[in-house]
Amino acid sequence: MLTCTGPASRNHHLGVELGQGRPLTDILSGMRMVAEGVNTAEGILALGRAADVELPIAEQMAHVLAGRTHPLAATEALMLRPQKQERH
């Protein structure tokens, strides 16, 4: 939870900066340490596909990190995602 919500977390810092509209390259160039989420987003999606598990949050985050989706559009896509029964 801390990596998502803690103000000292590198991933949290990166997410806040992306949400404020800063380009990923600018954010990363100003960081001294690695935000692991940048390098693991696509790997997480590959694991989800291999296990036949949908990962909508990780998918949208990967799109934002790759510059394919604006953070607001990703948030909207998640919020408007149709509700359905999740697998147990």
PDB file of N, CA and C in Angstrom:
ATOM      1  N   MET A   1       0.815  -1.194   0.000  1.00  0.00           N
ATOM      2  CA  MET A   1       0.000   0.000   0.000  1.00  0.00           C
ATOM      3  C   MET A   1       0.862   1.264   0.000  1.00  0.00           C
ATOM      4  N   LEU A   2       1.984   1.207   0.683  1.00  0.00           N
ATOM      5  CA  LEU A   2       2.801   2.419   0.762  1.00  0.00           C
ATOM      6  C   LEU A   2       3.330   2.858  -0.592  1.00  0.00           C
ATOM      7  N   THR A   3       3.628   1.905  -1.472  1.00  0.00           N
ATOM      8  CA  THR A   3       4.159   2.295  -2.782  1.00  0.00           C
ATOM      9  C   THR A   3       3.112   3.056  -3.598  1.00  0.00           C
ATOM     10  N   CYS A   4       1.843   2.871  -3.262  1.00  0.00           N
ATOM     11  CA  CYS A   4       0.778   3.599  -3.957  1.00  0.00           C
ATOM     12  C   CYS A   4       0.407   4.900  -3.266  1.00  0.00           C
ATOM     13  N   THR A   5       0.469   4.907  -1.944  1.00  0.00           N
ATOM     14  CA  THR A   5      -0.091   6.033  -1.208  1.00  0.00           C
ATOM     15  C   THR A   5       0.919   6.861  -0.423  1.00  0.00           C
ATOM     16  N   GLY A   6       2.085   6.311  -0.157  1.00  0.00           N
ATOM     17  CA  GLY A   6       3.058   7.017   0.673  1.00  0.00           C
ATOM     18  C   GLY A   6       3.740   8.148  -0.062  1.00  0.00           C
ATOM     19  N   PRO A   7       3.754   9.349   0.501  1.00  0.00           N
ATOM     20  CA  PRO A   7       4.377  10.487  -0.178  1.00  0.00           C
ATOM     21  C   PRO A   7       5.879  10.313  -0.410  1.00  0.00           C
ATOM     22  N   ALA A   8       6.524   9.423   0.338  1.00  0.00           N
ATOM     23  CA  ALA A   8       7.958   9.190   0.133  1.00  0.00           C
ATOM     24  C   ALA A   8       8.211   8.122  -0.935  1.00  0.00           C
ATOM     25  N   SER A   9       7.145   7.489  -1.425  1.00  0.00           N
ATOM     26  CA  SER A   9       7.281   6.434  -2.422  1.00  0.00           C
ATOM     27  C   SER A   9       7.632   7.007  -3.793  1.00  0.00           C
ATOM     28  N   ARG A  10       8.581   6.373  -4.449  1.00  0.00           N
ATOM     29  CA  ARG A  10       8.974   6.813  -5.797  1.00  0.00           C
ATOM     30  C   ARG A  10       7.824   6.629  -6.776  1.00  0.00           C
ATOM     31  N   ASN A  11       7.094   5.503  -6.677  1.00  0.00           N
ATOM     32  CA  ASN A  11       5.971   5.265  -7.579  1.00  0.00           C
ATOM     33  C   ASN A  11       4.847   6.267  -7.342  1.00  0.00           C
ATOM     34  N   HIS A  12       4.598   6.588  -6.085  1.00  0.00           N
ATOM     35  CA  HIS A  12       3.578   7.589  -5.758  1.00  0.00           C
ATOM     36  C   HIS A  12       3.963   8.944  -6.332  1.00  0.00           C
ATOM     37  N   HIS A  13       5.207   9.325  -6.128  1.00  0.00           N
ATOM     38  CA  HIS A  13       5.705  10.601  -6.656  1.00  0.00           C
ATOM     39  C   HIS A  13       5.526  10.655  -8.178  1.00  0.00           C
ATOM     40  N   LEU A  14       5.909   9.580  -8.847  1.00  0.00           N
ATOM     41  CA  LEU A  14       5.787   9.523 -10.298  1.00  0.00           C
ATOM     42  C   LEU A  14       4.329   9.663 -10.731  1.00  0.00           C
ATOM     43  N   GLY A  15       3.429   8.963 -10.040  1.00  0.00           N
ATOM     44  CA  GLY A  15       2.008   9.040 -10.369  1.00  0.00           C
ATOM     45  C   GLY A  15       1.426  10.419 -10.194  1.00  0.00           C
ATOM     46  N   VAL A  16       1.807  11.080  -9.111  1.00  0.00           N
ATOM     47  CA  VAL A  16       1.327  12.445  -8.871  1.00  0.00           C
ATOM     48  C   VAL A  16       1.814  13.367  -9.976  1.00  0.00           C
ATOM     49  N   GLU A  17       3.079  13.240 -10.325  1.00  0.00           N
ATOM     50  CA  GLU A  17       3.642  14.086 -11.379  1.00  0.00           C
ATOM     51  C   GLU A  17       2.967  13.815 -12.729  1.00  0.00           C
ATOM     52  N   LEU A  18       2.734  12.550 -13.043  1.00  0.00           N
ATOM     53  CA  LEU A  18       2.024  12.225 -14.296  1.00  0.00           C
ATOM     54  C   LEU A  18       0.625  12.831 -14.288  1.00  0.00           C
ATOM     55  N   GLY A  19      -0.044  12.719 -13.147  1.00  0.00           N
ATOM     56  CA  GLY A  19      -1.387  13.278 -13.010  1.00  0.00           C
ATOM     57  C   GLY A  19      -1.427  14.783 -13.176  1.00  0.00           C
ATOM     58  N   GLN A  20      -0.315  15.440 -12.880  1.00  0.00           N
ATOM     59  CA  GLN A  20      -0.234  16.890 -13.043  1.00  0.00           C
ATOM     60  C   GLN A  20       0.175  17.284 -14.460  1.00  0.00           C
ATOM     61  N   GLY A  21       0.349  16.266 -15.312  1.00  0.00           N
ATOM     62  CA  GLY A  21       0.620  16.551 -16.714  1.00  0.00           C
ATOM     63  C   GLY A  21       2.075  16.590 -17.126  1.00  0.00           C
ATOM     64  N   ARG A  22       2.978  16.258 -16.227  1.00  0.00           N
ATOM     65  CA  ARG A  22       4.404  16.260 -16.603  1.00  0.00           C
ATOM     66  C   ARG A  22       4.736  15.037 -17.435  1.00  0.00           C
ATOM     67  N   PRO A  23       5.533  15.190 -18.470  1.00  0.00           N
ATOM     68  CA  PRO A  23       5.939  14.042 -19.292  1.00  0.00           C
ATOM     69  C   PRO A  23       6.818  13.074 -18.494  1.00  0.00           C
ATOM     70  N   LEU A  24       6.670  11.794 -18.769  1.00  0.00           N
ATOM     71  CA  LEU A  24       7.422  10.767 -18.065  1.00  0.00           C
ATOM     72  C   LEU A  24       8.920  11.012 -18.141  1.00  0.00           C
ATOM     73  N   THR A  25       9.409  11.359 -19.313  1.00  0.00           N
ATOM     74  CA  THR A  25      10.853  11.569 -19.461  1.00  0.00           C
ATOM     75  C   THR A  25      11.361  12.685 -18.552  1.00  0.00           C
ATOM     76  N   ASP A  26      10.576  13.747 -18.398  1.00  0.00           N
ATOM     77  CA  ASP A  26      10.970  14.849 -17.514  1.00  0.00           C
ATOM     78  C   ASP A  26      10.989  14.401 -16.054  1.00  0.00           C
ATOM     79  N   ILE A  27       9.982  13.625 -15.667  1.00  0.00           N
ATOM     80  CA  ILE A  27       9.904  13.149 -14.289  1.00  0.00           C
ATOM     81  C   ILE A  27      11.100  12.251 -13.980  1.00  0.00           C
ATOM     82  N   LEU A  28      11.350  11.293 -14.879  1.00  0.00           N
ATOM     83  CA  LEU A  28      12.427  10.337 -14.646  1.00  0.00           C
ATOM     84  C   LEU A  28      13.796  11.014 -14.620  1.00  0.00           C
ATOM     85  N   SER A  29      13.974  12.034 -15.441  1.00  0.00           N
ATOM     86  CA  SER A  29      15.279  12.707 -15.473  1.00  0.00           C
ATOM     87  C   SER A  29      15.560  13.459 -14.175  1.00  0.00           C
ATOM     88  N   GLY A  30      14.503  13.799 -13.438  1.00  0.00           N
ATOM     89  CA  GLY A  30      14.683  14.501 -12.180  1.00  0.00           C
ATOM     90  C   GLY A  30      14.740  13.590 -10.965  1.00  0.00           C
ATOM     91  N   MET A  31      14.587  12.292 -11.184  1.00  0.00           N
ATOM     92  CA  MET A  31      14.609  11.345 -10.060  1.00  0.00           C
ATOM     93  C   MET A  31      15.993  10.732  -9.912  1.00  0.00           C
ATOM     94  N   ARG A  32      16.423  10.559  -8.674  1.00  0.00           N
ATOM     95  CA  ARG A  32      17.719   9.942  -8.415  1.00  0.00           C
ATOM     96  C   ARG A  32      17.607   8.425  -8.298  1.00  0.00           C
ATOM     97  N   MET A  33      16.401   7.938  -7.965  1.00  0.00           N
ATOM     98  CA  MET A  33      16.201   6.512  -7.769  1.00  0.00           C
ATOM     99  C   MET A  33      15.160   6.007  -8.770  1.00  0.00           C
ATOM    100  N   VAL A  34      15.075   4.703  -8.911  1.00  0.00           N
ATOM    101  CA  VAL A  34      14.175   4.078  -9.890  1.00  0.00           C
ATOM    102  C   VAL A  34      12.769   3.954  -9.319  1.00  0.00           C
ATOM    103  N   ALA A  35      11.776   4.313 -10.109  1.00  0.00           N
ATOM    104  CA  ALA A  35      10.375   4.027  -9.797  1.00  0.00           C
ATOM    105  C   ALA A  35      10.073   2.692 -10.477  1.00  0.00           C
ATOM    106  N   GLU A  36      10.018   1.619  -9.683  1.00  0.00           N
ATOM    107  CA  GLU A  36       9.932   0.264 -10.224  1.00  0.00           C
ATOM    108  C   GLU A  36       8.736   0.046 -11.134  1.00  0.00           C
ATOM    109  N   GLY A  37       7.645   0.746 -10.870  1.00  0.00           N
ATOM    110  CA  GLY A  37       6.431   0.555 -11.651  1.00  0.00           C
ATOM    111  C   GLY A  37       6.610   0.820 -13.130  1.00  0.00           C
ATOM    112  N   VAL A  38       7.503   1.720 -13.467  1.00  0.00           N
ATOM    113  CA  VAL A  38       7.748   2.035 -14.880  1.00  0.00           C
ATOM    114  C   VAL A  38       8.285   0.811 -15.612  1.00  0.00           C
ATOM    115  N   ASN A  39       9.205   0.115 -14.981  1.00  0.00           N
ATOM    116  CA  ASN A  39       9.836  -1.038 -15.619  1.00  0.00           C
ATOM    117  C   ASN A  39       9.041  -2.330 -15.480  1.00  0.00           C
ATOM    118  N   THR A  40       8.084  -2.377 -14.576  1.00  0.00           N
ATOM    119  CA  THR A  40       7.360  -3.628 -14.337  1.00  0.00           C
ATOM    120  C   THR A  40       5.952  -3.649 -14.916  1.00  0.00           C
ATOM    121  N   ALA A  41       5.442  -2.536 -15.383  1.00  0.00           N
ATOM    122  CA  ALA A  41       4.052  -2.466 -15.844  1.00  0.00           C
ATOM    123  C   ALA A  41       3.751  -3.479 -16.955  1.00  0.00           C
ATOM    124  N   GLU A  42       4.588  -3.527 -17.961  1.00  0.00           N
ATOM    125  CA  GLU A  42       4.336  -4.462 -19.070  1.00  0.00           C
ATOM    126  C   GLU A  42       4.504  -5.913 -18.619  1.00  0.00           C
ATOM    127  N   GLY A  43       5.445  -6.171 -17.714  1.00  0.00           N
ATOM    128  CA  GLY A  43       5.636  -7.521 -17.196  1.00  0.00           C
ATOM    129  C   GLY A  43       4.437  -8.009 -16.406  1.00  0.00           C
ATOM    130  N   ILE A  44       3.837  -7.115 -15.650  1.00  0.00           N
ATOM    131  CA  ILE A  44       2.640  -7.462 -14.891  1.00  0.00           C
ATOM    132  C   ILE A  44       1.515  -7.844 -15.848  1.00  0.00           C
ATOM    133  N   LEU A  45       1.378  -7.101 -16.931  1.00  0.00           N
ATOM    134  CA  LEU A  45       0.342  -7.422 -17.916  1.00  0.00           C
ATOM    135  C   LEU A  45       0.594  -8.776 -18.561  1.00  0.00           C
ATOM    136  N   ALA A  46       1.850  -9.097 -18.833  1.00  0.00           N
ATOM    137  CA  ALA A  46       2.183 -10.404 -19.413  1.00  0.00           C
ATOM    138  C   ALA A  46       1.811 -11.524 -18.443  1.00  0.00           C
ATOM    139  N   LEU A  47       2.087 -11.335 -17.170  1.00  0.00           N
ATOM    140  CA  LEU A  47       1.700 -12.340 -16.172  1.00  0.00           C
ATOM    141  C   LEU A  47       0.179 -12.489 -16.109  1.00  0.00           C
ATOM    142  N   GLY A  48      -0.524 -11.384 -16.179  1.00  0.00           N
ATOM    143  CA  GLY A  48      -1.985 -11.435 -16.174  1.00  0.00           C
ATOM    144  C   GLY A  48      -2.531 -12.188 -17.372  1.00  0.00           C
ATOM    145  N   ARG A  49      -1.959 -11.932 -18.532  1.00  0.00           N
ATOM    146  CA  ARG A  49      -2.407 -12.658 -19.743  1.00  0.00           C
ATOM    147  C   ARG A  49      -2.128 -14.149 -19.601  1.00  0.00           C
ATOM    148  N   ALA A  50      -0.969 -14.506 -19.087  1.00  0.00           N
ATOM    149  CA  ALA A  50      -0.598 -15.915 -18.927  1.00  0.00           C
ATOM    150  C   ALA A  50      -1.534 -16.630 -17.952  1.00  0.00           C
ATOM    151  N   ALA A  51      -2.025 -15.898 -16.951  1.00  0.00           N
ATOM    152  CA  ALA A  51      -2.923 -16.482 -15.955  1.00  0.00           C
ATOM    153  C   ALA A  51      -4.387 -16.257 -16.301  1.00  0.00           C
ATOM    154  N   ASP A  52      -4.643 -15.637 -17.447  1.00  0.00           N
ATOM    155  CA  ASP A  52      -6.005 -15.316 -17.887  1.00  0.00           C
ATOM    156  C   ASP A  52      -6.750 -14.471 -16.848  1.00  0.00           C
ATOM    157  N   VAL A  53      -6.053 -13.437 -16.363  1.00  0.00           N
ATOM    158  CA  VAL A  53      -6.611 -12.527 -15.367  1.00  0.00           C
ATOM    159  C   VAL A  53      -6.606 -11.116 -15.942  1.00  0.00           C
ATOM    160  N   GLU A  54      -7.746 -10.448 -15.854  1.00  0.00           N
ATOM    161  CA  GLU A  54      -7.814  -9.063 -16.302  1.00  0.00           C
ATOM    162  C   GLU A  54      -7.194  -8.160 -15.240  1.00  0.00           C
ATOM    163  N   LEU A  55      -6.416  -7.219 -15.677  1.00  0.00           N
ATOM    164  CA  LEU A  55      -5.767  -6.255 -14.781  1.00  0.00           C
ATOM    165  C   LEU A  55      -6.015  -4.841 -15.311  1.00  0.00           C
ATOM    166  N   PRO A  56      -7.242  -4.351 -15.184  1.00  0.00           N
ATOM    167  CA  PRO A  56      -7.583  -3.067 -15.805  1.00  0.00           C
ATOM    168  C   PRO A  56      -6.783  -1.884 -15.284  1.00  0.00           C
ATOM    169  N   ILE A  57      -6.478  -1.859 -14.008  1.00  0.00           N
ATOM    170  CA  ILE A  57      -5.703  -0.730 -13.477  1.00  0.00           C
ATOM    171  C   ILE A  57      -4.284  -0.778 -14.019  1.00  0.00           C
ATOM    172  N   ALA A  58      -3.672  -1.957 -13.973  1.00  0.00           N
ATOM    173  CA  ALA A  58      -2.310  -2.101 -14.501  1.00  0.00           C
ATOM    174  C   ALA A  58      -2.282  -1.800 -15.999  1.00  0.00           C
ATOM    175  N   GLU A  59      -3.326  -2.209 -16.709  1.00  0.00           N
ATOM    176  CA  GLU A  59      -3.384  -1.956 -18.148  1.00  0.00           C
ATOM    177  C   GLU A  59      -3.423  -0.460 -18.449  1.00  0.00           C
ATOM    178  N   GLN A  60      -4.264   0.260 -17.735  1.00  0.00           N
ATOM    179  CA  GLN A  60      -4.351   1.703 -17.958  1.00  0.00           C
ATOM    180  C   GLN A  60      -3.051   2.398 -17.554  1.00  0.00           C
ATOM    181  N   MET A  61      -2.445   1.931 -16.472  1.00  0.00           N
ATOM    182  CA  MET A  61      -1.184   2.535 -16.036  1.00  0.00           C
ATOM    183  C   MET A  61      -0.094   2.303 -17.080  1.00  0.00           C
ATOM    184  N   ALA A  62      -0.056   1.113 -17.655  1.00  0.00           N
ATOM    185  CA  ALA A  62       0.925   0.828 -18.705  1.00  0.00           C
ATOM    186  C   ALA A  62       0.698   1.731 -19.912  1.00  0.00           C
ATOM    187  N   HIS A  63      -0.553   1.977 -20.250  1.00  0.00           N
ATOM    188  CA  HIS A  63      -0.860   2.879 -21.370  1.00  0.00           C
ATOM    189  C   HIS A  63      -0.388   4.299 -21.077  1.00  0.00           C
ATOM    190  N   VAL A  64      -0.604   4.750 -19.843  1.00  0.00           N
ATOM    191  CA  VAL A  64      -0.152   6.097 -19.462  1.00  0.00           C
ATOM    192  C   VAL A  64       1.369   6.175 -19.511  1.00  0.00           C
ATOM    193  N   LEU A  65       2.042   5.178 -18.937  1.00  0.00           N
ATOM    194  CA  LEU A  65       3.503   5.181 -18.915  1.00  0.00           C
ATOM    195  C   LEU A  65       4.108   5.137 -20.316  1.00  0.00           C
ATOM    196  N   ALA A  66       3.423   4.445 -21.238  1.00  0.00           N
ATOM    197  CA  ALA A  66       3.923   4.346 -22.608  1.00  0.00           C
ATOM    198  C   ALA A  66       3.536   5.564 -23.444  1.00  0.00           C
ATOM    199  N   GLY A  67       2.778   6.479 -22.863  1.00  0.00           N
ATOM    200  CA  GLY A  67       2.365   7.682 -23.596  1.00  0.00           C
ATOM    201  C   GLY A  67       1.213   7.456 -24.549  1.00  0.00           C
ATOM    202  N   ARG A  68       0.542   6.319 -24.426  1.00  0.00           N
ATOM    203  CA  ARG A  68      -0.594   6.008 -25.312  1.00  0.00           C
ATOM    204  C   ARG A  68      -1.902   6.595 -24.812  1.00  0.00           C
ATOM    205  N   THR A  69      -1.955   6.937 -23.523  1.00  0.00           N
ATOM    206  CA  THR A  69      -3.184   7.435 -22.909  1.00  0.00           C
ATOM    207  C   THR A  69      -2.839   8.549 -21.932  1.00  0.00           C
ATOM    208  N   HIS A  70      -3.651   9.572 -21.905  1.00  0.00           N
ATOM    209  CA  HIS A  70      -3.510  10.653 -20.933  1.00  0.00           C
ATOM    210  C   HIS A  70      -4.057  10.149 -19.587  1.00  0.00           C
ATOM    211  N   PRO A  71      -3.467  10.559 -18.469  1.00  0.00           N
ATOM    212  CA  PRO A  71      -3.945  10.096 -17.164  1.00  0.00           C
ATOM    213  C   PRO A  71      -5.445  10.303 -16.935  1.00  0.00           C
ATOM    214  N   LEU A  72      -5.985  11.422 -17.389  1.00  0.00           N
ATOM    215  CA  LEU A  72      -7.423  11.652 -17.207  1.00  0.00           C
ATOM    216  C   LEU A  72      -8.252  10.670 -18.020  1.00  0.00           C
ATOM    217  N   ALA A  73      -7.801  10.360 -19.228  1.00  0.00           N
ATOM    218  CA  ALA A  73      -8.522   9.392 -20.062  1.00  0.00           C
ATOM    219  C   ALA A  73      -8.450   7.998 -19.441  1.00  0.00           C
ATOM    220  N   ALA A  74      -7.314   7.658 -18.854  1.00  0.00           N
ATOM    221  CA  ALA A  74      -7.171   6.354 -18.196  1.00  0.00           C
ATOM    222  C   ALA A  74      -8.110   6.262 -16.999  1.00  0.00           C
ATOM    223  N   THR A  75      -8.181   7.322 -16.224  1.00  0.00           N
ATOM    224  CA  THR A  75      -9.084   7.344 -15.070  1.00  0.00           C
ATOM    225  C   THR A  75     -10.527   7.211 -15.517  1.00  0.00           C
ATOM    226  N   GLU A  76     -10.880   7.924 -16.561  1.00  0.00           N
ATOM    227  CA  GLU A  76     -12.241   7.852 -17.084  1.00  0.00           C
ATOM    228  C   GLU A  76     -12.561   6.444 -17.585  1.00  0.00           C
ATOM    229  N   ALA A  77     -11.625   5.828 -18.276  1.00  0.00           N
ATOM    230  CA  ALA A  77     -11.845   4.462 -18.777  1.00  0.00           C
ATOM    231  C   ALA A  77     -12.090   3.497 -17.624  1.00  0.00           C
ATOM    232  N   LEU A  78     -11.356   3.667 -16.536  1.00  0.00           N
ATOM    233  CA  LEU A  78     -11.556   2.800 -15.376  1.00  0.00           C
ATOM    234  C   LEU A  78     -12.892   3.066 -14.696  1.00  0.00           C
ATOM    235  N   MET A  79     -13.245   4.318 -14.557  1.00  0.00           N
ATOM    236  CA  MET A  79     -14.488   4.657 -13.871  1.00  0.00           C
ATOM    237  C   MET A  79     -15.720   4.272 -14.689  1.00  0.00           C
ATOM    238  N   LEU A  80     -15.599   4.266 -15.990  1.00  0.00           N
ATOM    239  CA  LEU A  80     -16.735   3.933 -16.855  1.00  0.00           C
ATOM    240  C   LEU A  80     -16.754   2.462 -17.269  1.00  0.00           C
ATOM    241  N   ARG A  81     -15.800   1.707 -16.774  1.00  0.00           N
ATOM    242  CA  ARG A  81     -15.733   0.289 -17.095  1.00  0.00           C
ATOM    243  C   ARG A  81     -16.993  -0.402 -16.588  1.00  0.00           C
ATOM    244  N   PRO A  82     -17.633  -1.199 -17.447  1.00  0.00           N
ATOM    245  CA  PRO A  82     -18.869  -1.884 -17.012  1.00  0.00           C
ATOM    246  C   PRO A  82     -18.610  -2.791 -15.812  1.00  0.00           C
ATOM    247  N   GLN A  83     -19.544  -2.770 -14.878  1.00  0.00           N
ATOM    248  CA  GLN A  83     -19.443  -3.654 -13.722  1.00  0.00           C
ATOM    249  C   GLN A  83     -19.743  -5.076 -14.153  1.00  0.00           C
ATOM    250  N   LYS A  84     -19.073  -6.015 -13.530  1.00  0.00           N
ATOM    251  CA  LYS A  84     -19.327  -7.413 -13.820  1.00  0.00           C
ATOM    252  C   LYS A  84     -18.846  -8.247 -12.648  1.00  0.00           C
ATOM    253  N   GLN A  85     -19.273  -9.472 -12.627  1.00  0.00           N
ATOM    254  CA  GLN A  85     -18.827 -10.407 -11.594  1.00  0.00           C
ATOM    255  C   GLN A  85     -17.362 -10.733 -11.817  1.00  0.00           C
ATOM    256  N   GLU A  86     -16.568 -10.607 -10.785  1.00  0.00           N
ATOM    257  CA  GLU A  86     -15.155 -10.959 -10.883  1.00  0.00           C
ATOM    258  C   GLU A  86     -14.984 -12.435 -10.514  1.00  0.00           C
ATOM    259  N   ARG A  87     -13.954 -13.039 -11.092  1.00  0.00           N
ATOM    260  CA  ARG A  87     -13.649 -14.418 -10.749  1.00  0.00           C
ATOM    261  C   ARG A  87     -13.126 -14.500  -9.337  1.00  0.00           C
ATOM    262  N   HIS A  88     -13.364 -15.628  -8.714  1.00  0.00           N
ATOM    263  CA  HIS A  88     -12.841 -15.861  -7.355  1.00  0.00           C
ATOM    264  C   HIS A  88     -11.633 -16.733  -7.436  1.00  0.00           C
TER     265      HIS A  88
END
